[in-house]
């Protein structure tokens, strides 16, 4: 959705990035600090799950509690 907002605002293709905080900045959106933290959390799932060297560390922190709290944050943010 953020890439769509970027395209609508900038009238150009969105950059090929997965960092949602950076994408919001590039789109000219000024979120509050709480929203920035939530976007950073969501971005961390993509980045940490995507790169093999970070996957082991990411799996270790993905407890049931962590996953439940993170999903609640993601749903709230969307």
Foldseek 3Di string as FASTA:
>chain_A
DLQVLQCVQVVDGQDPDLQVLVSCVNSVHDDDPVLSVLSNLVSCVVVQCPDPVNVVVVVVVPDVVVVVVNVVSVVVND
